[in-house]
Amino acid sequence: MPTAPPGCEAQLVERYGLLMTLTDVAEALRYPSTQAARKARLRGALPVQLVQIPNRRGWWAMTRAVAQFLDSLEATAKEGPS
């Protein structure tokens, strides 16, 4: 039987699936709105890479990438202030 991925990936995959829409990313990363996440993407400030899928509308992120970013925040917090 496969083991669950470490960190929050299993929870995110259960909720969103393997791909997340920009709206899903905004929700998971606690942006105040999808528009705020869209602006962060345009400024290059969104912490995960988004891609466009041929014949699909909108921007998408791999759920694993979002989980890895969130896990990195947790690791940074455990290290303490620099």
PDB file of N, CA and C in Angstrom:
ATOM      1  N   MET A   1       0.845  -1.185   0.000  1.00  0.00           N
ATOM      2  CA  MET A   1       0.000   0.000   0.000  1.00  0.00           C
ATOM      3  C   MET A   1       0.886   1.243   0.000  1.00  0.00           C
ATOM      4  N   PRO A   2       0.621   2.232  -0.896  1.00  0.00           N
ATOM      5  CA  PRO A   2       1.469   3.427  -0.936  1.00  0.00           C
ATOM      6  C   PRO A   2       1.310   4.269   0.325  1.00  0.00           C
ATOM      7  N   THR A   3       2.390   4.927   0.688  1.00  0.00           N
ATOM      8  CA  THR A   3       2.332   5.794   1.868  1.00  0.00           C
ATOM      9  C   THR A   3       1.926   7.190   1.432  1.00  0.00           C
ATOM     10  N   ALA A   4       1.365   7.934   2.366  1.00  0.00           N
ATOM     11  CA  ALA A   4       0.945   9.307   2.080  1.00  0.00           C
ATOM     12  C   ALA A   4       2.176  10.189   1.906  1.00  0.00           C
ATOM     13  N   PRO A   5       2.116  11.147   0.995  1.00  0.00           N
ATOM     14  CA  PRO A   5       3.241  12.072   0.839  1.00  0.00           C
ATOM     15  C   PRO A   5       3.471  12.861   2.123  1.00  0.00           C
ATOM     16  N   PRO A   6       4.704  13.307   2.350  1.00  0.00           N
ATOM     17  CA  PRO A   6       4.994  14.055   3.572  1.00  0.00           C
ATOM     18  C   PRO A   6       4.335  15.427   3.568  1.00  0.00           C
ATOM     19  N   GLY A   7       4.214  15.996   4.738  1.00  0.00           N
ATOM     20  CA  GLY A   7       3.707  17.360   4.852  1.00  0.00           C
ATOM     21  C   GLY A   7       2.246  17.487   4.471  1.00  0.00           C
ATOM     22  N   CYS A   8       1.930  18.584   3.856  1.00  0.00           N
ATOM     23  CA  CYS A   8       0.538  18.904   3.556  1.00  0.00           C
ATOM     24  C   CYS A   8       0.088  18.431   2.177  1.00  0.00           C
ATOM     25  N   GLU A   9       0.969  17.773   1.434  1.00  0.00           N
ATOM     26  CA  GLU A   9       0.627  17.392   0.063  1.00  0.00           C
ATOM     27  C   GLU A   9      -0.604  16.499   0.011  1.00  0.00           C
ATOM     28  N   ALA A  10      -0.695  15.521   0.887  1.00  0.00           N
ATOM     29  CA  ALA A  10      -1.835  14.600   0.872  1.00  0.00           C
ATOM     30  C   ALA A  10      -3.147  15.351   1.083  1.00  0.00           C
ATOM     31  N   GLN A  11      -3.145  16.297   1.989  1.00  0.00           N
ATOM     32  CA  GLN A  11      -4.359  17.074   2.254  1.00  0.00           C
ATOM     33  C   GLN A  11      -4.745  17.918   1.054  1.00  0.00           C
ATOM     34  N   LEU A  12      -3.755  18.549   0.416  1.00  0.00           N
ATOM     35  CA  LEU A  12      -4.040  19.379  -0.752  1.00  0.00           C
ATOM     36  C   LEU A  12      -4.522  18.537  -1.933  1.00  0.00           C
ATOM     37  N   VAL A  13      -3.898  17.386  -2.146  1.00  0.00           N
ATOM     38  CA  VAL A  13      -4.321  16.515  -3.244  1.00  0.00           C
ATOM     39  C   VAL A  13      -5.739  16.014  -3.000  1.00  0.00           C
ATOM     40  N   GLU A  14      -6.045  15.678  -1.771  1.00  0.00           N
ATOM     41  CA  GLU A  14      -7.401  15.215  -1.452  1.00  0.00           C
ATOM     42  C   GLU A  14      -8.429  16.312  -1.736  1.00  0.00           C
ATOM     43  N   ARG A  15      -8.084  17.540  -1.426  1.00  0.00           N
ATOM     44  CA  ARG A  15      -9.024  18.644  -1.605  1.00  0.00           C
ATOM     45  C   ARG A  15      -9.114  19.142  -3.045  1.00  0.00           C
ATOM     46  N   TYR A  16      -7.947  19.289  -3.716  1.00  0.00           N
ATOM     47  CA  TYR A  16      -7.913  19.933  -5.024  1.00  0.00           C
ATOM     48  C   TYR A  16      -7.593  18.996  -6.189  1.00  0.00           C
ATOM     49  N   GLY A  17      -7.024  17.837  -5.920  1.00  0.00           N
ATOM     50  CA  GLY A  17      -6.550  16.975  -6.990  1.00  0.00           C
ATOM     51  C   GLY A  17      -5.106  17.314  -7.322  1.00  0.00           C
ATOM     52  N   LEU A  18      -4.601  16.778  -8.432  1.00  0.00           N
ATOM     53  CA  LEU A  18      -3.192  16.964  -8.778  1.00  0.00           C
ATOM     54  C   LEU A  18      -2.890  18.335  -9.359  1.00  0.00           C
ATOM     55  N   LEU A  19      -3.908  19.006  -9.884  1.00  0.00           N
ATOM     56  CA  LEU A  19      -3.749  20.346 -10.445  1.00  0.00           C
ATOM     57  C   LEU A  19      -4.620  21.325  -9.682  1.00  0.00           C
ATOM     58  N   MET A  20      -4.103  22.515  -9.485  1.00  0.00           N
ATOM     59  CA  MET A  20      -4.857  23.558  -8.796  1.00  0.00           C
ATOM     60  C   MET A  20      -5.055  24.738  -9.746  1.00  0.00           C
ATOM     61  N   THR A  21      -6.246  25.292  -9.741  1.00  0.00           N
ATOM     62  CA  THR A  21      -6.509  26.506 -10.501  1.00  0.00           C
ATOM     63  C   THR A  21      -5.885  27.687  -9.760  1.00  0.00           C
ATOM     64  N   LEU A  22      -5.829  28.824 -10.417  1.00  0.00           N
ATOM     65  CA  LEU A  22      -5.320  30.022  -9.753  1.00  0.00           C
ATOM     66  C   LEU A  22      -6.187  30.357  -8.539  1.00  0.00           C
ATOM     67  N   THR A  23      -7.477  30.138  -8.639  1.00  0.00           N
ATOM     68  CA  THR A  23      -8.382  30.367  -7.499  1.00  0.00           C
ATOM     69  C   THR A  23      -8.025  29.443  -6.340  1.00  0.00           C
ATOM     70  N   ASP A  24      -7.737  28.175  -6.636  1.00  0.00           N
ATOM     71  CA  ASP A  24      -7.332  27.223  -5.599  1.00  0.00           C
ATOM     72  C   ASP A  24      -6.025  27.652  -4.943  1.00  0.00           C
ATOM     73  N   VAL A  25      -5.068  28.086  -5.765  1.00  0.00           N
ATOM     74  CA  VAL A  25      -3.772  28.538  -5.246  1.00  0.00           C
ATOM     75  C   VAL A  25      -3.970  29.746  -4.332  1.00  0.00           C
ATOM     76  N   ALA A  26      -4.799  30.685  -4.768  1.00  0.00           N
ATOM     77  CA  ALA A  26      -5.067  31.876  -3.951  1.00  0.00           C
ATOM     78  C   ALA A  26      -5.657  31.475  -2.601  1.00  0.00           C
ATOM     79  N   GLU A  27      -6.554  30.514  -2.617  1.00  0.00           N
ATOM     80  CA  GLU A  27      -7.176  30.051  -1.370  1.00  0.00           C
ATOM     81  C   GLU A  27      -6.150  29.348  -0.480  1.00  0.00           C
ATOM     82  N   ALA A  28      -5.365  28.445  -1.052  1.00  0.00           N
ATOM     83  CA  ALA A  28      -4.403  27.673  -0.266  1.00  0.00           C
ATOM     84  C   ALA A  28      -3.307  28.556   0.327  1.00  0.00           C
ATOM     85  N   LEU A  29      -2.904  29.587  -0.429  1.00  0.00           N
ATOM     86  CA  LEU A  29      -1.840  30.474   0.043  1.00  0.00           C
ATOM     87  C   LEU A  29      -2.386  31.697   0.782  1.00  0.00           C
ATOM     88  N   ARG A  30      -3.689  31.713   0.976  1.00  0.00           N
ATOM     89  CA  ARG A  30      -4.369  32.758   1.756  1.00  0.00           C
ATOM     90  C   ARG A  30      -4.232  34.156   1.166  1.00  0.00           C
ATOM     91  N   TYR A  31      -4.250  34.237  -0.167  1.00  0.00           N
ATOM     92  CA  TYR A  31      -4.332  35.562  -0.786  1.00  0.00           C
ATOM     93  C   TYR A  31      -5.727  36.103  -0.513  1.00  0.00           C
ATOM     94  N   PRO A  32      -5.885  37.412  -0.393  1.00  0.00           N
ATOM     95  CA  PRO A  32      -7.205  37.968  -0.090  1.00  0.00           C
ATOM     96  C   PRO A  32      -8.226  37.723  -1.204  1.00  0.00           C
ATOM     97  N   SER A  33      -7.745  37.526  -2.426  1.00  0.00           N
ATOM     98  CA  SER A  33      -8.656  37.277  -3.550  1.00  0.00           C
ATOM     99  C   SER A  33      -7.875  36.628  -4.688  1.00  0.00           C
ATOM    100  N   THR A  34      -8.617  36.091  -5.637  1.00  0.00           N
ATOM    101  CA  THR A  34      -7.989  35.549  -6.838  1.00  0.00           C
ATOM    102  C   THR A  34      -7.292  36.665  -7.603  1.00  0.00           C
ATOM    103  N   GLN A  35      -7.893  37.842  -7.613  1.00  0.00           N
ATOM    104  CA  GLN A  35      -7.292  38.983  -8.312  1.00  0.00           C
ATOM    105  C   GLN A  35      -5.933  39.340  -7.703  1.00  0.00           C
ATOM    106  N   ALA A  36      -5.804  39.259  -6.390  1.00  0.00           N
ATOM    107  CA  ALA A  36      -4.516  39.538  -5.737  1.00  0.00           C
ATOM    108  C   ALA A  36      -3.469  38.513  -6.162  1.00  0.00           C
ATOM    109  N   ALA A  37      -3.861  37.253  -6.268  1.00  0.00           N
ATOM    110  CA  ALA A  37      -2.938  36.211  -6.729  1.00  0.00           C
ATOM    111  C   ALA A  37      -2.574  36.438  -8.195  1.00  0.00           C
ATOM    112  N   ARG A  38      -3.535  36.862  -8.992  1.00  0.00           N
ATOM    113  CA  ARG A  38      -3.288  37.147 -10.413  1.00  0.00           C
ATOM    114  C   ARG A  38      -2.257  38.279 -10.548  1.00  0.00           C
ATOM    115  N   LYS A  39      -2.413  39.318  -9.741  1.00  0.00           N
ATOM    116  CA  LYS A  39      -1.461  40.432  -9.777  1.00  0.00           C
ATOM    117  C   LYS A  39      -0.078  39.985  -9.309  1.00  0.00           C
ATOM    118  N   ALA A  40      -0.030  39.123  -8.294  1.00  0.00           N
ATOM    119  CA  ALA A  40       1.259  38.606  -7.823  1.00  0.00           C
ATOM    120  C   ALA A  40       1.932  37.810  -8.936  1.00  0.00           C
ATOM    121  N   ARG A  41       1.162  37.038  -9.694  1.00  0.00           N
ATOM    122  CA  ARG A  41       1.726  36.285 -10.822  1.00  0.00           C
ATOM    123  C   ARG A  41       2.308  37.233 -11.858  1.00  0.00           C
ATOM    124  N   LEU A  42       1.576  38.299 -12.168  1.00  0.00           N
ATOM    125  CA  LEU A  42       2.045  39.266 -13.168  1.00  0.00           C
ATOM    126  C   LEU A  42       3.320  39.977 -12.715  1.00  0.00           C
ATOM    127  N   ARG A  43       3.460  40.226 -11.415  1.00  0.00           N
ATOM    128  CA  ARG A  43       4.658  40.878 -10.870  1.00  0.00           C
ATOM    129  C   ARG A  43       5.814  39.900 -10.695  1.00  0.00           C
ATOM    130  N   GLY A  44       5.535  38.600 -10.851  1.00  0.00           N
ATOM    131  CA  GLY A  44       6.563  37.589 -10.614  1.00  0.00           C
ATOM    132  C   GLY A  44       6.747  37.293  -9.140  1.00  0.00           C
ATOM    133  N   ALA A  45       5.746  37.630  -8.327  1.00  0.00           N
ATOM    134  CA  ALA A  45       5.853  37.469  -6.886  1.00  0.00           C
ATOM    135  C   ALA A  45       5.097  36.250  -6.355  1.00  0.00           C
ATOM    136  N   LEU A  46       4.436  35.511  -7.224  1.00  0.00           N
ATOM    137  CA  LEU A  46       3.729  34.307  -6.783  1.00  0.00           C
ATOM    138  C   LEU A  46       4.777  33.228  -6.515  1.00  0.00           C
ATOM    139  N   PRO A  47       4.757  32.591  -5.364  1.00  0.00           N
ATOM    140  CA  PRO A  47       5.848  31.680  -4.999  1.00  0.00           C
ATOM    141  C   PRO A  47       5.809  30.315  -5.684  1.00  0.00           C
ATOM    142  N   VAL A  48       4.838  30.052  -6.522  1.00  0.00           N
ATOM    143  CA  VAL A  48       4.777  28.787  -7.259  1.00  0.00           C
ATOM    144  C   VAL A  48       4.623  29.082  -8.746  1.00  0.00           C
ATOM    145  N   GLN A  49       5.113  28.171  -9.564  1.00  0.00           N
ATOM    146  CA  GLN A  49       5.029  28.349 -11.005  1.00  0.00           C
ATOM    147  C   GLN A  49       3.638  27.958 -11.496  1.00  0.00           C
ATOM    148  N   LEU A  50       3.076  28.808 -12.352  1.00  0.00           N
ATOM    149  CA  LEU A  50       1.790  28.517 -12.986  1.00  0.00           C
ATOM    150  C   LEU A  50       2.031  28.252 -14.464  1.00  0.00           C
ATOM    151  N   VAL A  51       1.207  27.396 -15.031  1.00  0.00           N
ATOM    152  CA  VAL A  51       1.307  27.072 -16.454  1.00  0.00           C
ATOM    153  C   VAL A  51      -0.074  27.150 -17.075  1.00  0.00           C
ATOM    154  N   GLN A  52      -0.084  27.306 -18.383  1.00  0.00           N
ATOM    155  CA  GLN A  52      -1.335  27.209 -19.120  1.00  0.00           C
ATOM    156  C   GLN A  52      -1.362  25.852 -19.790  1.00  0.00           C
ATOM    157  N   ILE A  53      -2.514  25.214 -19.783  1.00  0.00           N
ATOM    158  CA  ILE A  53      -2.694  23.904 -20.389  1.00  0.00           C
ATOM    159  C   ILE A  53      -3.369  24.107 -21.739  1.00  0.00           C
ATOM    160  N   PRO A  54      -2.830  23.500 -22.799  1.00  0.00           N
ATOM    161  CA  PRO A  54      -3.451  23.653 -24.112  1.00  0.00           C
ATOM    162  C   PRO A  54      -4.935  23.264 -24.077  1.00  0.00           C
ATOM    163  N   ASN A  55      -5.728  24.067 -24.739  1.00  0.00           N
ATOM    164  CA  ASN A  55      -7.184  23.857 -24.837  1.00  0.00           C
ATOM    165  C   ASN A  55      -7.918  23.956 -23.500  1.00  0.00           C
ATOM    166  N   ARG A  56      -7.282  24.569 -22.512  1.00  0.00           N
ATOM    167  CA  ARG A  56      -7.927  24.808 -21.216  1.00  0.00           C
ATOM    168  C   ARG A  56      -7.768  26.283 -20.892  1.00  0.00           C
ATOM    169  N   ARG A  57      -8.753  26.839 -20.274  1.00  0.00           N
ATOM    170  CA  ARG A  57      -8.734  28.243 -19.907  1.00  0.00           C
ATOM    171  C   ARG A  57      -8.081  28.420 -18.542  1.00  0.00           C
ATOM    172  N   GLY A  58      -7.335  29.488 -18.378  1.00  0.00           N
ATOM    173  CA  GLY A  58      -6.796  29.840 -17.069  1.00  0.00           C
ATOM    174  C   GLY A  58      -5.385  29.345 -16.829  1.00  0.00           C
ATOM    175  N   TRP A  59      -4.941  29.569 -15.599  1.00  0.00           N
ATOM    176  CA  TRP A  59      -3.600  29.205 -15.146  1.00  0.00           C
ATOM    177  C   TRP A  59      -3.703  28.097 -14.114  1.00  0.00           C
ATOM    178  N   TRP A  60      -2.713  27.199 -14.104  1.00  0.00           N
ATOM    179  CA  TRP A  60      -2.733  26.010 -13.254  1.00  0.00           C
ATOM    180  C   TRP A  60      -1.399  25.840 -12.555  1.00  0.00           C
ATOM    181  N   ALA A  61      -1.443  25.238 -11.384  1.00  0.00           N
ATOM    182  CA  ALA A  61      -0.221  24.898 -10.644  1.00  0.00           C
ATOM    183  C   ALA A  61      -0.296  23.436 -10.243  1.00  0.00           C
ATOM    184  N   MET A  62       0.851  22.803 -10.175  1.00  0.00           N
ATOM    185  CA  MET A  62       0.894  21.441  -9.654  1.00  0.00           C
ATOM    186  C   MET A  62       0.689  21.515  -8.136  1.00  0.00           C
ATOM    187  N   THR A  63      -0.191  20.696  -7.637  1.00  0.00           N
ATOM    188  CA  THR A  63      -0.475  20.683  -6.205  1.00  0.00           C
ATOM    189  C   THR A  63       0.795  20.386  -5.413  1.00  0.00           C
ATOM    190  N   ARG A  64       1.639  19.530  -5.954  1.00  0.00           N
ATOM    191  CA  ARG A  64       2.894  19.191  -5.275  1.00  0.00           C
ATOM    192  C   ARG A  64       3.757  20.436  -5.069  1.00  0.00           C
ATOM    193  N   ALA A  65       3.799  21.338  -6.050  1.00  0.00           N
ATOM    194  CA  ALA A  65       4.612  22.553  -5.938  1.00  0.00           C
ATOM    195  C   ALA A  65       4.084  23.464  -4.827  1.00  0.00           C
ATOM    196  N   VAL A  66       2.766  23.569  -4.720  1.00  0.00           N
ATOM    197  CA  VAL A  66       2.170  24.381  -3.654  1.00  0.00           C
ATOM    198  C   VAL A  66       2.499  23.763  -2.296  1.00  0.00           C
ATOM    199  N   ALA A  67       2.376  22.446  -2.192  1.00  0.00           N
ATOM    200  CA  ALA A  67       2.679  21.756  -0.932  1.00  0.00           C
ATOM    201  C   ALA A  67       4.151  21.931  -0.558  1.00  0.00           C
ATOM    202  N   GLN A  68       5.051  21.832  -1.540  1.00  0.00           N
ATOM    203  CA  GLN A  68       6.470  22.012  -1.255  1.00  0.00           C
ATOM    204  C   GLN A  68       6.759  23.422  -0.748  1.00  0.00           C
ATOM    205  N   PHE A  69       6.088  24.424  -1.339  1.00  0.00           N
ATOM    206  CA  PHE A  69       6.276  25.791  -0.862  1.00  0.00           C
ATOM    207  C   PHE A  69       5.802  25.930   0.586  1.00  0.00           C
ATOM    208  N   LEU A  70       4.626  25.396   0.883  1.00  0.00           N
ATOM    209  CA  LEU A  70       4.102  25.483   2.247  1.00  0.00           C
ATOM    210  C   LEU A  70       4.999  24.734   3.230  1.00  0.00           C
ATOM    211  N   ASP A  71       5.508  23.571   2.821  1.00  0.00           N
ATOM    212  CA  ASP A  71       6.431  22.823   3.680  1.00  0.00           C
ATOM    213  C   ASP A  71       7.720  23.598   3.916  1.00  0.00           C
ATOM    214  N   SER A  72       8.186  24.334   2.895  1.00  0.00           N
ATOM    215  CA  SER A  72       9.408  25.126   3.061  1.00  0.00           C
ATOM    216  C   SER A  72       9.181  26.257   4.063  1.00  0.00           C
ATOM    217  N   LEU A  73       7.974  26.802   4.094  1.00  0.00           N
ATOM    218  CA  LEU A  73       7.664  27.833   5.094  1.00  0.00           C
ATOM    219  C   LEU A  73       7.748  27.262   6.496  1.00  0.00           C
ATOM    220  N   GLU A  74       7.235  26.049   6.650  1.00  0.00           N
ATOM    221  CA  GLU A  74       7.278  25.395   7.955  1.00  0.00           C
ATOM    222  C   GLU A  74       8.718  25.130   8.377  1.00  0.00           C
ATOM    223  N   ALA A  75       9.543  24.674   7.438  1.00  0.00           N
ATOM    224  CA  ALA A  75      10.949  24.411   7.744  1.00  0.00           C
ATOM    225  C   ALA A  75      11.676  25.692   8.133  1.00  0.00           C
ATOM    226  N   THR A  76      11.374  26.786   7.423  1.00  0.00           N
ATOM    227  CA  THR A  76      11.991  28.075   7.730  1.00  0.00           C
ATOM    228  C   THR A  76      11.574  28.543   9.121  1.00  0.00           C
ATOM    229  N   ALA A  77      10.305  28.334   9.456  1.00  0.00           N
ATOM    230  CA  ALA A  77       9.813  28.749  10.776  1.00  0.00           C
ATOM    231  C   ALA A  77      10.488  27.974  11.883  1.00  0.00           C
ATOM    232  N   LYS A  78      10.780  26.699  11.634  1.00  0.00           N
ATOM    233  CA  LYS A  78      11.432  25.862  12.660  1.00  0.00           C
ATOM    234  C   LYS A  78      12.868  26.287  12.892  1.00  0.00           C
ATOM    235  N   GLU A  79      13.514  26.856  11.863  1.00  0.00           N
ATOM    236  CA  GLU A  79      14.899  27.319  12.015  1.00  0.00           C
ATOM    237  C   GLU A  79      14.987  28.543  12.913  1.00  0.00           C
ATOM    238  N   GLY A  80      13.901  29.279  12.998  1.00  0.00           N
ATOM    239  CA  GLY A  80      13.897  30.481  13.831  1.00  0.00           C
ATOM    240  C   GLY A  80      14.367  31.693  13.078  1.00  0.00           C
ATOM    241  N   PRO A  81      14.264  32.871  13.709  1.00  0.00           N
ATOM    242  CA  PRO A  81      14.686  34.105  13.040  1.00  0.00           C
ATOM    243  C   PRO A  81      16.184  34.137  12.817  1.00  0.00           C
ATOM    244  N   SER A  82      16.591  34.770  11.731  1.00  0.00           N
ATOM    245  CA  SER A  82      18.030  34.854  11.412  1.00  0.00           C
ATOM    246  C   SER A  82      18.660  36.037  12.084  1.00  0.00           C
TER     247      SER A  82
END
